[in-house]
């Protein structure tokens, strides 16, 4: 399985999603979607990421054998606010 490490790469480099969006000329929502580990990245997008961050494709993508892959746990929904009770 190919794992998208784009979100981790931004975090390690201290780059926010809005900052990457500004540098890449893309919408922040598009960049937020790319930060999901299960999100596939096409070659055009990978080229853009490498160009903007000055990295190699192997810095963005990682191969993990299917037998060893452990998906991240689902996010817990936020507790209901008092307004919704």
C-alpha atoms as a PDB file:
ATOM      1  CA  UNK A   1       0.000   0.000   0.000  1.00  0.00           C
ATOM      2  CA  UNK A   2       1.260   3.462  -0.847  1.00  0.00           C
ATOM      3  CA  UNK A   3       0.827   5.855   2.084  1.00  0.00           C
ATOM      4  CA  UNK A   4       0.500   9.593   1.582  1.00  0.00           C
ATOM      5  CA  UNK A   5       2.850  11.361   4.035  1.00  0.00           C
ATOM      6  CA  UNK A   6       2.137  14.888   2.795  1.00  0.00           C
ATOM      7  CA  UNK A   7       0.387  16.023   6.004  1.00  0.00           C
ATOM      8  CA  UNK A   8       3.246  14.684   8.145  1.00  0.00           C
ATOM      9  CA  UNK A   9       5.779  16.375   5.876  1.00  0.00           C
ATOM     10  CA  UNK A  10       4.071  19.743   6.311  1.00  0.00           C
ATOM     11  CA  UNK A  11       3.969  19.274  10.086  1.00  0.00           C
ATOM     12  CA  UNK A  12       7.660  18.310  10.327  1.00  0.00           C
ATOM     13  CA  UNK A  13       8.646  21.324   8.232  1.00  0.00           C
ATOM     14  CA  UNK A  14       6.418  23.664  10.239  1.00  0.00           C
ATOM     15  CA  UNK A  15       4.378  24.650   7.185  1.00  0.00           C
ATOM     16  CA  UNK A  16       0.673  25.313   7.676  1.00  0.00           C
ATOM     17  CA  UNK A  17      -1.969  24.310   5.171  1.00  0.00           C
ATOM     18  CA  UNK A  18      -2.806  27.958   4.369  1.00  0.00           C
ATOM     19  CA  UNK A  19       0.909  28.695   3.847  1.00  0.00           C
ATOM     20  CA  UNK A  20       1.289  25.771   1.432  1.00  0.00           C
ATOM     21  CA  UNK A  21      -1.913  26.805  -0.347  1.00  0.00           C
ATOM     22  CA  UNK A  22      -0.538  30.308  -0.814  1.00  0.00           C
ATOM     23  CA  UNK A  23       2.827  29.029  -2.077  1.00  0.00           C
ATOM     24  CA  UNK A  24       1.212  26.531  -4.451  1.00  0.00           C
ATOM     25  CA  UNK A  25      -1.621  28.713  -5.711  1.00  0.00           C
ATOM     26  CA  UNK A  26      -4.185  26.094  -4.682  1.00  0.00           C
ATOM     27  CA  UNK A  27      -7.233  26.408  -2.424  1.00  0.00           C
ATOM     28  CA  UNK A  28      -6.753  25.570   1.261  1.00  0.00           C
ATOM     29  CA  UNK A  29      -9.582  22.997   1.140  1.00  0.00           C
ATOM     30  CA  UNK A  30      -7.739  21.155  -1.657  1.00  0.00           C
ATOM     31  CA  UNK A  31      -4.566  21.095   0.470  1.00  0.00           C
ATOM     32  CA  UNK A  32      -6.480  19.902   3.565  1.00  0.00           C
ATOM     33  CA  UNK A  33      -7.818  16.972   1.505  1.00  0.00           C
ATOM     34  CA  UNK A  34      -4.257  16.059   0.449  1.00  0.00           C
ATOM     35  CA  UNK A  35      -3.222  15.805   4.108  1.00  0.00           C
ATOM     36  CA  UNK A  36      -5.337  12.666   4.605  1.00  0.00           C
ATOM     37  CA  UNK A  37      -3.057   9.583   4.670  1.00  0.00           C
ATOM     38  CA  UNK A  38      -5.566   7.591   2.611  1.00  0.00           C
ATOM     39  CA  UNK A  39      -5.833  10.261  -0.095  1.00  0.00           C
ATOM     40  CA  UNK A  40      -4.211   9.226  -3.375  1.00  0.00           C
ATOM     41  CA  UNK A  41      -1.921  11.695  -5.119  1.00  0.00           C
ATOM     42  CA  UNK A  42      -1.613  11.800  -8.892  1.00  0.00           C
ATOM     43  CA  UNK A  43       1.665  12.549 -10.662  1.00  0.00           C
ATOM     44  CA  UNK A  44       0.716  16.173 -11.425  1.00  0.00           C
ATOM     45  CA  UNK A  45      -0.025  16.843  -7.745  1.00  0.00           C
ATOM     46  CA  UNK A  46       3.119  15.017  -6.648  1.00  0.00           C
ATOM     47  CA  UNK A  47       5.149  17.167  -9.031  1.00  0.00           C
ATOM     48  CA  UNK A  48       3.595  20.329  -7.555  1.00  0.00           C
ATOM     49  CA  UNK A  49       4.335  19.228  -3.981  1.00  0.00           C
ATOM     50  CA  UNK A  50       7.946  18.391  -4.859  1.00  0.00           C
ATOM     51  CA  UNK A  51       8.399  21.712  -6.655  1.00  0.00           C
ATOM     52  CA  UNK A  52       6.945  23.846  -3.849  1.00  0.00           C
ATOM     53  CA  UNK A  53       8.642  22.004  -0.960  1.00  0.00           C
ATOM     54  CA  UNK A  54      11.887  21.113  -2.803  1.00  0.00           C
ATOM     55  CA  UNK A  55      11.549  17.416  -1.911  1.00  0.00           C
ATOM     56  CA  UNK A  56      11.695  14.070  -3.702  1.00  0.00           C
ATOM     57  CA  UNK A  57       8.622  11.848  -4.297  1.00  0.00           C
ATOM     58  CA  UNK A  58       9.914   9.402  -1.674  1.00  0.00           C
ATOM     59  CA  UNK A  59       9.619  12.158   0.921  1.00  0.00           C
ATOM     60  CA  UNK A  60       5.877  12.404   0.208  1.00  0.00           C
ATOM     61  CA  UNK A  61       4.939   8.761  -0.420  1.00  0.00           C
ATOM     62  CA  UNK A  62       5.849   5.597   1.474  1.00  0.00           C
ATOM     63  CA  UNK A  63       5.346   1.947   0.539  1.00  0.00           C
ATOM     64  CA  UNK A  64       4.056  -0.331   3.304  1.00  0.00           C
ATOM     65  CA  UNK A  65       3.251  -3.990   2.538  1.00  0.00           C
ATOM     66  CA  UNK A  66      -0.483  -4.615   2.903  1.00  0.00           C
ATOM     67  CA  UNK A  67       0.147  -7.238   5.592  1.00  0.00           C
ATOM     68  CA  UNK A  68       1.910  -4.628   7.775  1.00  0.00           C
ATOM     69  CA  UNK A  69      -0.407  -1.675   7.177  1.00  0.00           C
ATOM     70  CA  UNK A  70      -2.389  -0.524  10.190  1.00  0.00           C
ATOM     71  CA  UNK A  71      -4.930   2.170   9.290  1.00  0.00           C
ATOM     72  CA  UNK A  72      -5.160   5.166  11.592  1.00  0.00           C
ATOM     73  CA  UNK A  73      -8.042   4.993  14.074  1.00  0.00           C
ATOM     74  CA  UNK A  74     -11.154   6.942  13.092  1.00  0.00           C
ATOM     75  CA  UNK A  75     -11.462  10.360  14.638  1.00  0.00           C
ATOM     76  CA  UNK A  76     -13.837  10.620  17.574  1.00  0.00           C
ATOM     77  CA  UNK A  77     -16.773  12.943  16.918  1.00  0.00           C
ATOM     78  CA  UNK A  78     -16.760  16.007  19.136  1.00  0.00           C
ATOM     79  CA  UNK A  79     -19.041  15.876  22.186  1.00  0.00           C
ATOM     80  CA  UNK A  80     -22.419  17.510  21.644  1.00  0.00           C
ATOM     81  CA  UNK A  81     -22.555  21.112  22.686  1.00  0.00           C
ATOM     82  CA  UNK A  82     -25.188  22.381  25.086  1.00  0.00           C
ATOM     83  CA  UNK A  83     -26.911  24.124  22.177  1.00  0.00           C
ATOM     84  CA  UNK A  84     -27.662  20.770  20.539  1.00  0.00           C
ATOM     85  CA  UNK A  85     -28.934  19.078  23.727  1.00  0.00           C
END
